[in-house]
C-alpha atoms as a PDB file:
ATOM      1  CA  MET A   1     -43.645 -21.022 -39.598  1.00  0.00           C
ATOM      2  CA  TYR A   2     -41.032 -18.741 -40.767  1.00  0.00           C
ATOM      3  CA  ARG A   3     -42.029 -15.863 -38.348  1.00  0.00           C
ATOM      4  CA  ASP A   4     -42.325 -18.223 -35.628  1.00  0.00           C
ATOM      5  CA  ASP A   5     -38.316 -19.202 -36.312  1.00  0.00           C
ATOM      6  CA  GLU A   6     -37.699 -15.531 -36.188  1.00  0.00           C
ATOM      7  CA  ALA A   7     -39.371 -14.902 -32.727  1.00  0.00           C
ATOM      8  CA  ALA A   8     -37.737 -17.934 -31.231  1.00  0.00           C
ATOM      9  CA  ARG A   9     -34.450 -16.714 -32.493  1.00  0.00           C
ATOM     10  CA  ALA A  10     -34.859 -12.810 -31.181  1.00  0.00           C
ATOM     11  CA  GLY A  11     -35.881 -14.076 -27.690  1.00  0.00           C
ATOM     12  CA  LEU A  12     -33.082 -16.671 -27.850  1.00  0.00           C
ATOM     13  CA  ALA A  13     -30.630 -13.910 -28.611  1.00  0.00           C
ATOM     14  CA  ASN A  14     -32.094 -11.830 -25.974  1.00  0.00           C
ATOM     15  CA  VAL A  15     -31.566 -14.379 -23.543  1.00  0.00           C
ATOM     16  CA  LEU A  16     -28.333 -14.583 -24.461  1.00  0.00           C
ATOM     17  CA  ILE A  17     -27.350 -11.087 -24.629  1.00  0.00           C
ATOM     18  CA  ASP A  18     -28.707 -10.756 -20.738  1.00  0.00           C
ATOM     19  CA  GLU A  19     -26.555 -13.693 -20.061  1.00  0.00           C
ATOM     20  CA  ILE A  20     -23.354 -12.220 -21.493  1.00  0.00           C
ATOM     21  CA  ALA A  21     -24.178  -8.881 -19.585  1.00  0.00           C
ATOM     22  CA  GLU A  22     -24.402 -10.527 -16.410  1.00  0.00           C
ATOM     23  CA  LEU A  23     -21.237 -12.773 -16.946  1.00  0.00           C
ATOM     24  CA  GLU A  24     -19.332  -9.437 -17.759  1.00  0.00           C
ATOM     25  CA  ARG A  25     -20.647  -7.965 -14.643  1.00  0.00           C
ATOM     26  CA  GLN A  26     -19.610 -10.961 -12.749  1.00  0.00           C
ATOM     27  CA  LYS A  27     -16.227 -10.710 -14.311  1.00  0.00           C
ATOM     28  CA  VAL A  28     -15.649  -6.770 -13.572  1.00  0.00           C
ATOM     29  CA  LYS A  29     -16.751  -7.960  -9.828  1.00  0.00           C
ATOM     30  CA  GLN A  30     -14.112 -10.942  -9.640  1.00  0.00           C
ATOM     31  CA  ALA A  31     -11.445  -8.590 -11.035  1.00  0.00           C
ATOM     32  CA  THR A  32     -11.965  -6.069  -8.358  1.00  0.00           C
ATOM     33  CA  ILE A  33     -11.821  -8.777  -5.679  1.00  0.00           C
ATOM     34  CA  ASP A  34      -8.658 -10.290  -7.226  1.00  0.00           C
ATOM     35  CA  GLN A  35      -7.124  -6.823  -6.945  1.00  0.00           C
ATOM     36  CA  ARG A  36      -8.199  -6.079  -3.102  1.00  0.00           C
ATOM     37  CA  LEU A  37      -6.757  -9.931  -2.712  1.00  0.00           C
ATOM     38  CA  GLU A  38      -3.610  -9.037  -3.902  1.00  0.00           C
ATOM     39  CA  SER A  39      -3.357  -5.863  -2.342  1.00  0.00           C
ATOM     40  CA  ALA A  40      -4.238  -7.693   1.197  1.00  0.00           C
ATOM     41  CA  LYS A  41      -1.521 -10.271   0.435  1.00  0.00           C
ATOM     42  CA  ARG A  42       0.986  -7.527  -0.389  1.00  0.00           C
ATOM     43  CA  GLU A  43       0.078  -5.376   2.717  1.00  0.00           C
ATOM     44  CA  LEU A  44       0.127  -8.548   5.089  1.00  0.00           C
ATOM     45  CA  ALA A  45       3.914  -9.474   3.527  1.00  0.00           C
ATOM     46  CA  THR A  46       4.967  -6.268   4.473  1.00  0.00           C
ATOM     47  CA  LEU A  47       3.379  -6.373   8.200  1.00  0.00           C
ATOM     48  CA  GLN A  48       5.160  -9.815   8.531  1.00  0.00           C
ATOM     49  CA  SER A  49       8.626  -9.079   7.194  1.00  0.00           C
ATOM     50  CA  PRO A  50      11.259  -8.494   9.580  1.00  0.00           C
ATOM     51  CA  ALA A  51      11.558  -5.026  10.625  1.00  0.00           C
ATOM     52  CA  SER A  52      15.050  -3.240  10.316  1.00  0.00           C
ATOM     53  CA  PRO A  53      16.730  -2.928  13.793  1.00  0.00           C
ATOM     54  CA  PRO A  54      15.876   0.499  15.386  1.00  0.00           C
ATOM     55  CA  VAL A  55      18.525   3.153  15.092  1.00  0.00           C
ATOM     56  CA  LYS A  56      20.919   3.295  17.915  1.00  0.00           C
ATOM     57  CA  ARG A  57      21.087   6.699  19.325  1.00  0.00           C
ATOM     58  CA  PRO A  58      23.532   8.489  21.076  1.00  0.00           C
ATOM     59  CA  GLY A  59      23.252   7.892  24.977  1.00  0.00           C
ATOM     60  CA  LEU A  60      23.568  10.050  27.968  1.00  0.00           C
ATOM     61  CA  VAL A  61      27.429   9.737  28.346  1.00  0.00           C
ATOM     62  CA  THR A  62      27.622  10.966  24.814  1.00  0.00           C
ATOM     63  CA  HIS A  63      25.335  14.146  25.299  1.00  0.00           C
ATOM     64  CA  VAL A  64      27.309  14.805  28.527  1.00  0.00           C
ATOM     65  CA  LEU A  65      30.787  14.479  26.688  1.00  0.00           C
ATOM     66  CA  VAL A  66      29.658  16.830  23.983  1.00  0.00           C
ATOM     67  CA  PHE A  67      28.051  19.330  26.362  1.00  0.00           C
ATOM     68  CA  PHE A  68      31.326  19.560  28.333  1.00  0.00           C
ATOM     69  CA  ALA A  69      33.190  19.975  25.066  1.00  0.00           C
ATOM     70  CA  THR A  70      31.224  22.727  23.805  1.00  0.00           C
ATOM     71  CA  ALA A  71      31.391  24.704  26.989  1.00  0.00           C
ATOM     72  CA  GLY A  72      35.137  24.169  27.254  1.00  0.00           C
ATOM     73  CA  SER A  73      35.399  25.560  23.734  1.00  0.00           C
ATOM     74  CA  ALA A  74      33.120  28.508  24.338  1.00  0.00           C
ATOM     75  CA  PHE A  75      35.150  29.080  27.959  1.00  0.00           C
ATOM     76  CA  ALA A  76      38.281  28.952  25.729  1.00  0.00           C
ATOM     77  CA  ALA A  77      37.242  31.192  23.206  1.00  0.00           C
ATOM     78  CA  TYR A  78      35.697  33.672  25.959  1.00  0.00           C
ATOM     79  CA  THR A  79      39.035  33.613  27.864  1.00  0.00           C
ATOM     80  CA  LEU A  80      41.187  34.261  24.851  1.00  0.00           C
ATOM     81  CA  LEU A  81      39.229  37.358  23.309  1.00  0.00           C
ATOM     82  CA  PHE A  82      38.462  38.943  26.822  1.00  0.00           C
END
């Protein structure tokens, strides 16, 4: 009977080792899923956060004024030098 008890213990130990290995694999898969879930939540929060207002760029009037000021300065410099 002693040998049968050892065989039963060895069989039970193998079953438990296999079960632990399977549970560890599931644990790793769950950790991967949890990381992806957190990443998706952060990405969604980023997309839903209010965007900063667009930067106001100078209009046509400003460009025209700068052009005329530059042209006037160039004309004045040219006139004074020659």
